[in-house]
């Protein structure tokens, strides 16, 4: 994912990163989102409920 150095990715960008096959990109998305997770509780619950294919992502969202 290309972004300017120091620019924090949005919630949707973090979710896209967490869906990538590359493990490091998944981890980056998770760790970018983690400090602000409390701001996105409803969105995270919705993502968890809608995620049917990626059990690993479901685990990260729970």
PDB file of N, CA and C in Angstrom:
ATOM      1  N   UNK A   1       0.860  -1.168   0.000  1.00  0.00           N
ATOM      2  CA  UNK A   1       0.000   0.000   0.000  1.00  0.00           C
ATOM      3  C   UNK A   1       0.898   1.220   0.000  1.00  0.00           C
ATOM      4  N   UNK A   2       0.675   2.106  -0.932  1.00  0.00           N
ATOM      5  CA  UNK A   2       1.492   3.308  -0.989  1.00  0.00           C
ATOM      6  C   UNK A   2       0.758   4.452  -0.321  1.00  0.00           C
ATOM      7  N   UNK A   3       1.484   5.131   0.530  1.00  0.00           N
ATOM      8  CA  UNK A   3       0.956   6.320   1.181  1.00  0.00           C
ATOM      9  C   UNK A   3       2.137   7.171   1.583  1.00  0.00           C
ATOM     10  N   UNK A   4       1.865   8.437   1.788  1.00  0.00           N
ATOM     11  CA  UNK A   4       2.946   9.336   2.192  1.00  0.00           C
ATOM     12  C   UNK A   4       3.468   8.927   3.554  1.00  0.00           C
ATOM     13  N   UNK A   5       4.759   9.058   3.705  1.00  0.00           N
ATOM     14  CA  UNK A   5       5.396   8.693   4.970  1.00  0.00           C
ATOM     15  C   UNK A   5       4.757   9.481   6.117  1.00  0.00           C
ATOM     16  N   UNK A   6       4.380   8.768   7.166  1.00  0.00           N
ATOM     17  CA  UNK A   6       3.796   9.405   8.333  1.00  0.00           C
ATOM     18  C   UNK A   6       2.292   9.570   8.275  1.00  0.00           C
ATOM     19  N   UNK A   7       1.693   9.337   7.115  1.00  0.00           N
ATOM     20  CA  UNK A   7       0.240   9.474   6.993  1.00  0.00           C
ATOM     21  C   UNK A   7      -0.419   8.174   7.437  1.00  0.00           C
ATOM     22  N   UNK A   8      -1.272   8.284   8.432  1.00  0.00           N
ATOM     23  CA  UNK A   8      -1.957   7.109   8.967  1.00  0.00           C
ATOM     24  C   UNK A   8      -3.069   6.674   8.001  1.00  0.00           C
ATOM     25  N   UNK A   9      -3.159   5.367   7.726  1.00  0.00           N
ATOM     26  CA  UNK A   9      -4.216   4.885   6.836  1.00  0.00           C
ATOM     27  C   UNK A   9      -5.592   4.983   7.512  1.00  0.00           C
ATOM     28  N   UNK A  10      -6.612   5.109   6.692  1.00  0.00           N
ATOM     29  CA  UNK A  10      -7.992   5.174   7.189  1.00  0.00           C
ATOM     30  C   UNK A  10      -8.439   3.795   7.670  1.00  0.00           C
ATOM     31  N   UNK A  11      -9.610   3.764   8.288  1.00  0.00           N
ATOM     32  CA  UNK A  11     -10.188   2.488   8.728  1.00  0.00           C
ATOM     33  C   UNK A  11     -10.308   1.529   7.551  1.00  0.00           C
ATOM     34  N   UNK A  12     -10.866   1.998   6.444  1.00  0.00           N
ATOM     35  CA  UNK A  12     -11.059   1.130   5.277  1.00  0.00           C
ATOM     36  C   UNK A  12      -9.729   0.656   4.698  1.00  0.00           C
ATOM     37  N   UNK A  13      -8.725   1.524   4.695  1.00  0.00           N
ATOM     38  CA  UNK A  13      -7.409   1.115   4.218  1.00  0.00           C
ATOM     39  C   UNK A  13      -6.812   0.046   5.128  1.00  0.00           C
ATOM     40  N   UNK A  14      -6.986   0.197   6.422  1.00  0.00           N
ATOM     41  CA  UNK A  14      -6.507  -0.822   7.368  1.00  0.00           C
ATOM     42  C   UNK A  14      -7.204  -2.153   7.133  1.00  0.00           C
ATOM     43  N   UNK A  15      -8.515  -2.111   6.906  1.00  0.00           N
ATOM     44  CA  UNK A  15      -9.256  -3.344   6.652  1.00  0.00           C
ATOM     45  C   UNK A  15      -8.778  -4.005   5.361  1.00  0.00           C
ATOM     46  N   UNK A  16      -8.504  -3.215   4.335  1.00  0.00           N
ATOM     47  CA  UNK A  16      -7.978  -3.762   3.078  1.00  0.00           C
ATOM     48  C   UNK A  16      -6.626  -4.420   3.324  1.00  0.00           C
ATOM     49  N   UNK A  17      -5.790  -3.763   4.127  1.00  0.00           N
ATOM     50  CA  UNK A  17      -4.475  -4.331   4.446  1.00  0.00           C
ATOM     51  C   UNK A  17      -4.635  -5.655   5.181  1.00  0.00           C
ATOM     52  N   UNK A  18      -5.595  -5.733   6.095  1.00  0.00           N
ATOM     53  CA  UNK A  18      -5.801  -6.946   6.887  1.00  0.00           C
ATOM     54  C   UNK A  18      -6.356  -8.094   6.058  1.00  0.00           C
ATOM     55  N   UNK A  19      -6.849  -7.809   4.862  1.00  0.00           N
ATOM     56  CA  UNK A  19      -7.375  -8.858   3.977  1.00  0.00           C
ATOM     57  C   UNK A  19      -6.340  -9.346   2.955  1.00  0.00           C
ATOM     58  N   UNK A  20      -5.175  -8.732   2.939  1.00  0.00           N
ATOM     59  CA  UNK A  20      -4.134  -9.135   1.988  1.00  0.00           C
ATOM     60  C   UNK A  20      -3.561 -10.503   2.367  1.00  0.00           C
ATOM     61  N   UNK A  21      -2.994 -11.177   1.388  1.00  0.00           N
ATOM     62  CA  UNK A  21      -2.399 -12.492   1.637  1.00  0.00           C
ATOM     63  C   UNK A  21      -1.055 -12.381   2.343  1.00  0.00           C
ATOM     64  N   UNK A  22      -0.362 -11.278   2.118  1.00  0.00           N
ATOM     65  CA  UNK A  22       0.948 -11.062   2.731  1.00  0.00           C
ATOM     66  C   UNK A  22       0.796 -10.844   4.235  1.00  0.00           C
ATOM     67  N   UNK A  23       1.444 -11.692   5.012  1.00  0.00           N
ATOM     68  CA  UNK A  23       1.320 -11.635   6.463  1.00  0.00           C
ATOM     69  C   UNK A  23       1.781 -10.319   7.069  1.00  0.00           C
ATOM     70  N   UNK A  24       2.863  -9.744   6.540  1.00  0.00           N
ATOM     71  CA  UNK A  24       3.358  -8.483   7.083  1.00  0.00           C
ATOM     72  C   UNK A  24       2.377  -7.340   6.833  1.00  0.00           C
ATOM     73  N   UNK A  25       1.739  -7.350   5.671  1.00  0.00           N
ATOM     74  CA  UNK A  25       0.744  -6.318   5.363  1.00  0.00           C
ATOM     75  C   UNK A  25      -0.453  -6.458   6.288  1.00  0.00           C
ATOM     76  N   UNK A  26      -0.874  -7.703   6.544  1.00  0.00           N
ATOM     77  CA  UNK A  26      -1.975  -7.948   7.489  1.00  0.00           C
ATOM     78  C   UNK A  26      -1.635  -7.378   8.858  1.00  0.00           C
ATOM     79  N   UNK A  27      -0.423  -7.686   9.327  1.00  0.00           N
ATOM     80  CA  UNK A  27       0.018  -7.195  10.636  1.00  0.00           C
ATOM     81  C   UNK A  27       0.064  -5.671  10.670  1.00  0.00           C
ATOM     82  N   UNK A  28       0.561  -5.070   9.599  1.00  0.00           N
ATOM     83  CA  UNK A  28       0.617  -3.604   9.543  1.00  0.00           C
ATOM     84  C   UNK A  28      -0.776  -3.003   9.667  1.00  0.00           C
ATOM     85  N   UNK A  29      -1.732  -3.553   8.938  1.00  0.00           N
ATOM     86  CA  UNK A  29      -3.107  -3.056   9.016  1.00  0.00           C
ATOM     87  C   UNK A  29      -3.668  -3.177  10.418  1.00  0.00           C
ATOM     88  N   UNK A  30      -3.421  -4.318  11.053  1.00  0.00           N
ATOM     89  CA  UNK A  30      -3.897  -4.539  12.415  1.00  0.00           C
ATOM     90  C   UNK A  30      -3.290  -3.527  13.383  1.00  0.00           C
ATOM     91  N   UNK A  31      -1.979  -3.344  13.292  1.00  0.00           N
ATOM     92  CA  UNK A  31      -1.302  -2.463  14.245  1.00  0.00           C
ATOM     93  C   UNK A  31      -1.582  -0.986  13.986  1.00  0.00           C
ATOM     94  N   UNK A  32      -1.871  -0.605  12.741  1.00  0.00           N
ATOM     95  CA  UNK A  32      -2.287   0.776  12.474  1.00  0.00           C
ATOM     96  C   UNK A  32      -3.665   1.033  13.084  1.00  0.00           C
ATOM     97  N   UNK A  33      -4.526   0.038  13.031  1.00  0.00           N
ATOM     98  CA  UNK A  33      -5.902   0.207  13.504  1.00  0.00           C
ATOM     99  C   UNK A  33      -6.023   0.094  15.025  1.00  0.00           C
ATOM    100  N   UNK A  34      -5.181  -0.690  15.637  1.00  0.00           N
ATOM    101  CA  UNK A  34      -5.282  -1.000  17.058  1.00  0.00           C
ATOM    102  C   UNK A  34      -5.425   0.220  17.983  1.00  0.00           C
ATOM    103  N   UNK A  35      -4.610   1.268  17.857  1.00  0.00           N
ATOM    104  CA  UNK A  35      -4.731   2.396  18.795  1.00  0.00           C
ATOM    105  C   UNK A  35      -6.082   3.126  18.721  1.00  0.00           C
ATOM    106  N   UNK A  36      -6.754   3.060  17.575  1.00  0.00           N
ATOM    107  CA  UNK A  36      -8.024   3.765  17.395  1.00  0.00           C
ATOM    108  C   UNK A  36      -9.226   2.835  17.334  1.00  0.00           C
ATOM    109  N   UNK A  37      -9.038   1.581  17.719  1.00  0.00           N
ATOM    110  CA  UNK A  37     -10.118   0.592  17.597  1.00  0.00           C
ATOM    111  C   UNK A  37     -11.384   1.027  18.328  1.00  0.00           C
ATOM    112  N   UNK A  38     -11.234   1.720  19.434  1.00  0.00           N
ATOM    113  CA  UNK A  38     -12.424   2.138  20.201  1.00  0.00           C
ATOM    114  C   UNK A  38     -13.284   3.137  19.422  1.00  0.00           C
ATOM    115  N   UNK A  39     -12.694   3.800  18.451  1.00  0.00           N
ATOM    116  CA  UNK A  39     -13.462   4.746  17.627  1.00  0.00           C
ATOM    117  C   UNK A  39     -14.307   4.028  16.575  1.00  0.00           C
ATOM    118  N   UNK A  40     -13.975   2.772  16.317  1.00  0.00           N
ATOM    119  CA  UNK A  40     -14.611   2.028  15.227  1.00  0.00           C
ATOM    120  C   UNK A  40     -15.326   0.767  15.698  1.00  0.00           C
ATOM    121  N   UNK A  41     -15.801   0.749  16.918  1.00  0.00           N
ATOM    122  CA  UNK A  41     -16.405  -0.468  17.482  1.00  0.00           C
ATOM    123  C   UNK A  41     -17.550  -0.976  16.604  1.00  0.00           C
ATOM    124  N   UNK A  42     -18.468  -0.112  16.237  1.00  0.00           N
ATOM    125  CA  UNK A  42     -19.608  -0.548  15.413  1.00  0.00           C
ATOM    126  C   UNK A  42     -19.143  -1.079  14.059  1.00  0.00           C
ATOM    127  N   UNK A  43     -18.177  -0.402  13.451  1.00  0.00           N
ATOM    128  CA  UNK A  43     -17.647  -0.848  12.156  1.00  0.00           C
ATOM    129  C   UNK A  43     -16.941  -2.197  12.286  1.00  0.00           C
ATOM    130  N   UNK A  44     -16.197  -2.372  13.368  1.00  0.00           N
ATOM    131  CA  UNK A  44     -15.489  -3.635  13.584  1.00  0.00           C
ATOM    132  C   UNK A  44     -16.456  -4.790  13.817  1.00  0.00           C
ATOM    133  N   UNK A  45     -17.523  -4.533  14.548  1.00  0.00           N
ATOM    134  CA  UNK A  45     -18.542  -5.566  14.769  1.00  0.00           C
ATOM    135  C   UNK A  45     -19.178  -5.964  13.444  1.00  0.00           C
ATOM    136  N   UNK A  46     -19.488  -4.974  12.619  1.00  0.00           N
ATOM    137  CA  UNK A  46     -20.083  -5.243  11.312  1.00  0.00           C
ATOM    138  C   UNK A  46     -19.122  -6.047  10.431  1.00  0.00           C
ATOM    139  N   UNK A  47     -17.852  -5.659  10.427  1.00  0.00           N
ATOM    140  CA  UNK A  47     -16.853  -6.405   9.652  1.00  0.00           C
ATOM    141  C   UNK A  47     -16.761  -7.850  10.137  1.00  0.00           C
ATOM    142  N   UNK A  48     -16.769  -8.035  11.458  1.00  0.00           N
ATOM    143  CA  UNK A  48     -16.703  -9.378  12.031  1.00  0.00           C
ATOM    144  C   UNK A  48     -17.906 -10.212  11.593  1.00  0.00           C
ATOM    145  N   UNK A  49     -19.100  -9.643  11.690  1.00  0.00           N
ATOM    146  CA  UNK A  49     -20.317 -10.369  11.330  1.00  0.00           C
ATOM    147  C   UNK A  49     -20.372 -10.710   9.850  1.00  0.00           C
ATOM    148  N   UNK A  50     -19.794  -9.856   9.009  1.00  0.00           N
ATOM    149  CA  UNK A  50     -19.842 -10.070   7.560  1.00  0.00           C
ATOM    150  C   UNK A  50     -18.706 -10.935   7.035  1.00  0.00           C
ATOM    151  N   UNK A  51     -17.686 -11.141   7.842  1.00  0.00           N
ATOM    152  CA  UNK A  51     -16.530 -11.929   7.385  1.00  0.00           C
ATOM    153  C   UNK A  51     -16.840 -13.422   7.479  1.00  0.00           C
ATOM    154  N   UNK A  52     -16.924 -14.069   6.347  1.00  0.00           N
ATOM    155  CA  UNK A  52     -17.262 -15.496   6.305  1.00  0.00           C
ATOM    156  C   UNK A  52     -16.108 -16.351   5.795  1.00  0.00           C
ATOM    157  N   UNK A  53     -15.167 -15.759   5.054  1.00  0.00           N
ATOM    158  CA  UNK A  53     -14.132 -16.549   4.389  1.00  0.00           C
ATOM    159  C   UNK A  53     -12.810 -16.599   5.133  1.00  0.00           C
ATOM    160  N   UNK A  54     -12.431 -15.525   5.772  1.00  0.00           N
ATOM    161  CA  UNK A  54     -11.104 -15.438   6.383  1.00  0.00           C
ATOM    162  C   UNK A  54     -11.220 -15.587   7.902  1.00  0.00           C
ATOM    163  N   UNK A  55     -11.021 -16.814   8.371  1.00  0.00           N
ATOM    164  CA  UNK A  55     -11.129 -17.095   9.806  1.00  0.00           C
ATOM    165  C   UNK A  55     -10.056 -16.337  10.585  1.00  0.00           C
ATOM    166  N   UNK A  56      -8.861 -16.207   9.997  1.00  0.00           N
ATOM    167  CA  UNK A  56      -7.791 -15.454  10.645  1.00  0.00           C
ATOM    168  C   UNK A  56      -8.182 -14.006  10.880  1.00  0.00           C
ATOM    169  N   UNK A  57      -8.839 -13.385   9.897  1.00  0.00           N
ATOM    170  CA  UNK A  57      -9.298 -12.006  10.050  1.00  0.00           C
ATOM    171  C   UNK A  57     -10.384 -11.937  11.116  1.00  0.00           C
ATOM    172  N   UNK A  58     -11.254 -12.913  11.144  1.00  0.00           N
ATOM    173  CA  UNK A  58     -12.289 -12.952  12.185  1.00  0.00           C
ATOM    174  C   UNK A  58     -11.653 -12.986  13.571  1.00  0.00           C
ATOM    175  N   UNK A  59     -10.590 -13.758  13.702  1.00  0.00           N
ATOM    176  CA  UNK A  59      -9.902 -13.832  14.993  1.00  0.00           C
ATOM    177  C   UNK A  59      -9.304 -12.475  15.375  1.00  0.00           C
ATOM    178  N   UNK A  60      -8.741 -11.782  14.404  1.00  0.00           N
ATOM    179  CA  UNK A  60      -8.161 -10.456  14.674  1.00  0.00           C
ATOM    180  C   UNK A  60      -9.239  -9.452  15.077  1.00  0.00           C
ATOM    181  N   UNK A  61     -10.435  -9.615  14.529  1.00  0.00           N
ATOM    182  CA  UNK A  61     -11.525  -8.677  14.792  1.00  0.00           C
ATOM    183  C   UNK A  61     -12.252  -8.972  16.106  1.00  0.00           C
ATOM    184  N   UNK A  62     -12.016 -10.145  16.663  1.00  0.00           N
ATOM    185  CA  UNK A  62     -12.737 -10.493  17.900  1.00  0.00           C
ATOM    186  C   UNK A  62     -11.988 -10.076  19.141  1.00  0.00           C
TER     187      UNK A  62
END
